[in-house]
Structure formats: structure tokens, C-alpha cells
């Protein structure tokens, strides 16, 4: 994985107010709107989305570029849309 400071995302998505399973639904819709190879930054909160969103994105063929867990409980995830 790369450092999130090296990568400029093409789009941002804040799902801190969402709960599973809606967290990945929002991520998938956001990825579907991006062109192949584009980078999406996802900001989320909670243990379940922190585990499930990157795993499910990878299972669907997207690339997890970086995952940064902050002390505040916020997780920042960079995903590259599959080609």
C-alpha cells in the first residue's frame, strides 16, 4: 500500500454517519460513478466498516491503496476503481 499523502483522490466520500450494510452500498455507488483507475477517498467511522469496506472492495476487484486509522476513530481509505 502507498501512503495516502502521495496520492491525490479524484473523489471523496464521507460515510461516517452510515451503518453497515449501507456503508459499502454508498462506496459501490461512488466507485461506479468514477472512470476506471480513478481514486476514491472514503472517510468512515466504526469497527465494522473499517473491516468490511476494504475487504468487500478488494473482493470486487478494486485496489486498496491506503488505509489510515486515526486516534479519533476515523478511518481514511483510498480505493482505486478497477480497470
N, C-alpha and C. Protein backbone atom coordinates (compact mmCIF):
# COMPACT_ATOMS: atom_id res chain seq x y z
N UNK A 1 0.83 -1.18 0.00
CA UNK A 1 0.00 0.00 0.00
C UNK A 1 0.87 1.24 0.00
N UNK A 2 0.37 2.28 -0.60
CA UNK A 2 1.07 3.56 -0.67
C UNK A 2 0.63 4.44 0.49
N UNK A 3 1.39 5.46 0.75
CA UNK A 3 0.99 6.47 1.72
C UNK A 3 -0.10 7.33 1.12
N UNK A 4 -1.12 7.62 1.91
CA UNK A 4 -2.22 8.43 1.40
C UNK A 4 -1.78 9.85 1.07
N UNK A 5 -0.64 10.29 1.62
CA UNK A 5 -0.15 11.63 1.34
C UNK A 5 0.44 11.72 -0.06
N UNK A 6 0.79 10.60 -0.68
CA UNK A 6 1.37 10.59 -2.01
C UNK A 6 0.31 10.59 -3.11
N UNK A 7 -0.92 10.27 -2.77
CA UNK A 7 -1.97 10.06 -3.77
C UNK A 7 -3.04 11.13 -3.63
N UNK A 8 -3.40 11.74 -4.75
CA UNK A 8 -4.48 12.72 -4.77
C UNK A 8 -5.75 12.03 -5.25
N UNK A 9 -6.77 11.94 -4.39
CA UNK A 9 -8.00 11.28 -4.81
C UNK A 9 -8.76 12.11 -5.84
N UNK A 10 -9.49 11.42 -6.70
CA UNK A 10 -10.34 12.07 -7.69
C UNK A 10 -11.70 12.44 -7.11
N UNK A 11 -12.09 11.76 -6.04
CA UNK A 11 -13.39 11.99 -5.42
C UNK A 11 -13.31 11.64 -3.94
N UNK A 12 -14.19 12.23 -3.14
CA UNK A 12 -14.24 12.00 -1.70
C UNK A 12 -15.64 11.53 -1.32
N UNK A 13 -15.72 10.64 -0.33
CA UNK A 13 -17.00 10.14 0.17
C UNK A 13 -16.91 10.03 1.68
N UNK A 14 -17.82 10.70 2.38
CA UNK A 14 -17.87 10.65 3.84
C UNK A 14 -19.06 9.77 4.24
N UNK A 15 -18.77 8.62 4.83
CA UNK A 15 -19.84 7.72 5.27
C UNK A 15 -19.80 7.54 6.79
N UNK A 16 -19.30 8.55 7.50
CA UNK A 16 -19.18 8.44 8.96
C UNK A 16 -20.54 8.31 9.63
N UNK A 17 -21.60 8.80 9.01
CA UNK A 17 -22.93 8.71 9.61
C UNK A 17 -23.72 7.49 9.19
N UNK A 18 -23.12 6.62 8.39
CA UNK A 18 -23.82 5.44 7.87
C UNK A 18 -23.47 4.19 8.68
N UNK A 19 -24.35 3.20 8.61
CA UNK A 19 -24.11 1.92 9.27
C UNK A 19 -24.12 0.81 8.22
N UNK A 20 -23.46 -0.30 8.54
CA UNK A 20 -23.45 -1.46 7.64
C UNK A 20 -24.87 -2.01 7.55
N UNK A 21 -25.30 -2.46 6.40
CA UNK A 21 -24.56 -2.68 5.16
C UNK A 21 -24.55 -1.46 4.24
N UNK A 22 -25.15 -0.35 4.64
CA UNK A 22 -25.24 0.82 3.77
C UNK A 22 -23.89 1.45 3.50
N UNK A 23 -22.91 1.21 4.36
CA UNK A 23 -21.59 1.80 4.13
C UNK A 23 -21.04 1.37 2.78
N UNK A 24 -21.06 0.06 2.50
CA UNK A 24 -20.50 -0.36 1.22
C UNK A 24 -21.41 -0.03 0.06
N UNK A 25 -22.70 0.04 0.28
CA UNK A 25 -23.62 0.44 -0.81
C UNK A 25 -23.22 1.82 -1.31
N UNK A 26 -22.97 2.75 -0.40
CA UNK A 26 -22.56 4.11 -0.80
C UNK A 26 -21.20 4.10 -1.49
N UNK A 27 -20.28 3.29 -0.99
CA UNK A 27 -18.95 3.19 -1.61
C UNK A 27 -19.07 2.63 -3.02
N UNK A 28 -19.86 1.58 -3.17
CA UNK A 28 -20.01 0.97 -4.50
C UNK A 28 -20.63 1.95 -5.50
N UNK A 29 -21.65 2.68 -5.08
CA UNK A 29 -22.26 3.67 -5.97
C UNK A 29 -21.26 4.75 -6.36
N UNK A 30 -20.45 5.19 -5.40
CA UNK A 30 -19.44 6.22 -5.70
C UNK A 30 -18.39 5.68 -6.66
N UNK A 31 -17.95 4.44 -6.46
CA UNK A 31 -16.97 3.84 -7.37
C UNK A 31 -17.55 3.67 -8.77
N UNK A 32 -18.81 3.27 -8.85
CA UNK A 32 -19.46 3.08 -10.15
C UNK A 32 -19.53 4.37 -10.96
N UNK A 33 -19.58 5.51 -10.28
CA UNK A 33 -19.66 6.81 -10.97
C UNK A 33 -18.29 7.29 -11.47
N UNK A 34 -17.22 6.66 -11.00
CA UNK A 34 -15.86 7.08 -11.38
C UNK A 34 -15.38 6.31 -12.61
N UNK A 35 -14.49 6.92 -13.38
CA UNK A 35 -13.89 6.18 -14.50
C UNK A 35 -12.91 5.13 -13.98
N UNK A 36 -12.66 4.08 -14.75
CA UNK A 36 -11.69 3.07 -14.34
C UNK A 36 -10.33 3.70 -14.01
N UNK A 37 -9.74 3.25 -12.91
CA UNK A 37 -8.43 3.75 -12.49
C UNK A 37 -8.49 4.97 -11.60
N UNK A 38 -9.66 5.57 -11.44
CA UNK A 38 -9.80 6.75 -10.58
C UNK A 38 -9.68 6.35 -9.12
N UNK A 39 -9.32 7.32 -8.27
CA UNK A 39 -9.11 7.06 -6.85
C UNK A 39 -10.20 7.74 -6.03
N UNK A 40 -10.79 6.96 -5.13
CA UNK A 40 -11.83 7.44 -4.22
C UNK A 40 -11.29 7.43 -2.80
N UNK A 41 -11.44 8.56 -2.10
CA UNK A 41 -11.11 8.60 -0.68
C UNK A 41 -12.41 8.41 0.09
N UNK A 42 -12.42 7.44 1.00
CA UNK A 42 -13.59 7.16 1.82
C UNK A 42 -13.23 7.48 3.27
N UNK A 43 -14.07 8.28 3.91
CA UNK A 43 -13.90 8.59 5.33
C UNK A 43 -15.02 7.87 6.07
N UNK A 44 -14.66 7.04 7.04
CA UNK A 44 -15.66 6.24 7.74
C UNK A 44 -15.32 6.15 9.22
N UNK A 45 -16.29 5.70 9.99
CA UNK A 45 -16.10 5.57 11.43
C UNK A 45 -16.74 4.26 11.89
N UNK A 46 -16.05 3.55 12.75
CA UNK A 46 -16.59 2.32 13.30
C UNK A 46 -15.78 1.11 12.88
N UNK A 47 -15.80 0.11 13.74
CA UNK A 47 -15.01 -1.10 13.50
C UNK A 47 -15.54 -1.91 12.33
N UNK A 48 -16.86 -2.04 12.24
CA UNK A 48 -17.43 -2.87 11.17
C UNK A 48 -17.11 -2.33 9.77
N UNK A 49 -17.35 -1.04 9.49
CA UNK A 49 -16.97 -0.54 8.17
C UNK A 49 -15.46 -0.59 7.93
N UNK A 50 -14.67 -0.37 8.98
CA UNK A 50 -13.21 -0.40 8.84
C UNK A 50 -12.75 -1.77 8.36
N UNK A 51 -13.41 -2.82 8.82
CA UNK A 51 -13.06 -4.19 8.38
C UNK A 51 -13.70 -4.54 7.04
N UNK A 52 -14.98 -4.22 6.90
CA UNK A 52 -15.76 -4.73 5.76
C UNK A 52 -15.59 -3.97 4.46
N UNK A 53 -15.49 -2.65 4.51
CA UNK A 53 -15.43 -1.87 3.26
C UNK A 53 -14.18 -2.22 2.45
N UNK A 54 -12.97 -2.21 3.04
CA UNK A 54 -11.80 -2.55 2.22
C UNK A 54 -11.83 -4.00 1.72
N UNK A 55 -12.30 -4.92 2.56
CA UNK A 55 -12.36 -6.33 2.16
C UNK A 55 -13.32 -6.52 0.99
N UNK A 56 -14.51 -5.93 1.09
CA UNK A 56 -15.50 -6.09 0.04
C UNK A 56 -15.05 -5.40 -1.25
N UNK A 57 -14.44 -4.23 -1.13
CA UNK A 57 -13.93 -3.54 -2.33
C UNK A 57 -12.89 -4.40 -3.04
N UNK A 58 -11.98 -4.99 -2.27
CA UNK A 58 -10.95 -5.85 -2.87
C UNK A 58 -11.57 -7.09 -3.51
N UNK A 59 -12.58 -7.66 -2.86
CA UNK A 59 -13.27 -8.83 -3.43
C UNK A 59 -13.91 -8.50 -4.77
N UNK A 60 -14.31 -7.25 -4.96
CA UNK A 60 -14.95 -6.84 -6.21
C UNK A 60 -13.95 -6.35 -7.25
N UNK A 61 -12.66 -6.47 -6.95
CA UNK A 61 -11.64 -6.16 -7.94
C UNK A 61 -11.02 -4.79 -7.84
N UNK A 62 -11.45 -3.97 -6.88
CA UNK A 62 -10.85 -2.65 -6.68
C UNK A 62 -9.57 -2.81 -5.86
N UNK A 63 -8.71 -1.81 -5.91
CA UNK A 63 -7.43 -1.87 -5.21
C UNK A 63 -7.45 -0.97 -3.99
N UNK A 64 -7.09 -1.52 -2.84
CA UNK A 64 -6.95 -0.72 -1.62
C UNK A 64 -5.54 -0.13 -1.65
N UNK A 65 -5.45 1.18 -1.82
CA UNK A 65 -4.15 1.85 -1.91
C UNK A 65 -3.59 2.22 -0.55
N UNK A 66 -4.46 2.61 0.37
CA UNK A 66 -4.02 3.02 1.71
C UNK A 66 -5.20 2.96 2.66
N UNK A 67 -4.88 2.67 3.92
CA UNK A 67 -5.88 2.72 4.98
C UNK A 67 -5.21 3.33 6.19
N UNK A 68 -5.71 4.47 6.65
CA UNK A 68 -5.14 5.16 7.80
C UNK A 68 -6.18 5.25 8.89
N UNK A 69 -5.90 4.62 10.04
CA UNK A 69 -6.78 4.66 11.19
C UNK A 69 -6.30 5.76 12.12
N UNK A 70 -7.18 6.73 12.40
CA UNK A 70 -6.83 7.85 13.25
C UNK A 70 -7.26 7.58 14.69
N UNK A 71 -6.63 8.25 15.64
CA UNK A 71 -6.94 8.07 17.06
C UNK A 71 -8.39 8.43 17.38
N UNK A 72 -8.99 9.29 16.58
CA UNK A 72 -10.37 9.73 16.80
C UNK A 72 -11.40 8.66 16.44
N UNK A 73 -10.93 7.55 15.85
CA UNK A 73 -11.85 6.51 15.41
C UNK A 73 -12.23 6.61 13.95
N UNK A 74 -11.75 7.67 13.29
CA UNK A 74 -11.99 7.86 11.86
C UNK A 74 -10.98 7.02 11.08
N UNK A 75 -11.43 6.41 10.00
CA UNK A 75 -10.56 5.68 9.08
C UNK A 75 -10.65 6.34 7.72
N UNK A 76 -9.50 6.60 7.11
CA UNK A 76 -9.44 7.14 5.75
C UNK A 76 -8.91 6.03 4.85
N UNK A 77 -9.67 5.76 3.80
CA UNK A 77 -9.37 4.66 2.90
C UNK A 77 -9.25 5.21 1.49
N UNK A 78 -8.20 4.81 0.78
CA UNK A 78 -8.05 5.17 -0.63
C UNK A 78 -8.25 3.92 -1.47
N UNK A 79 -9.20 4.00 -2.40
CA UNK A 79 -9.51 2.89 -3.29
C UNK A 79 -9.31 3.31 -4.73
N UNK A 80 -8.69 2.44 -5.52
CA UNK A 80 -8.57 2.68 -6.96
C UNK A 80 -9.61 1.80 -7.65
N UNK A 81 -10.46 2.44 -8.47
CA UNK A 81 -11.50 1.70 -9.18
C UNK A 81 -10.86 0.72 -10.16
N UNK A 82 -11.44 -0.46 -10.22
CA UNK A 82 -10.89 -1.48 -11.11
C UNK A 82 -10.92 -1.01 -12.55
N UNK A 83 -9.98 -1.51 -13.33
CA UNK A 83 -9.84 -1.12 -14.74
C UNK A 83 -10.87 -1.82 -15.59
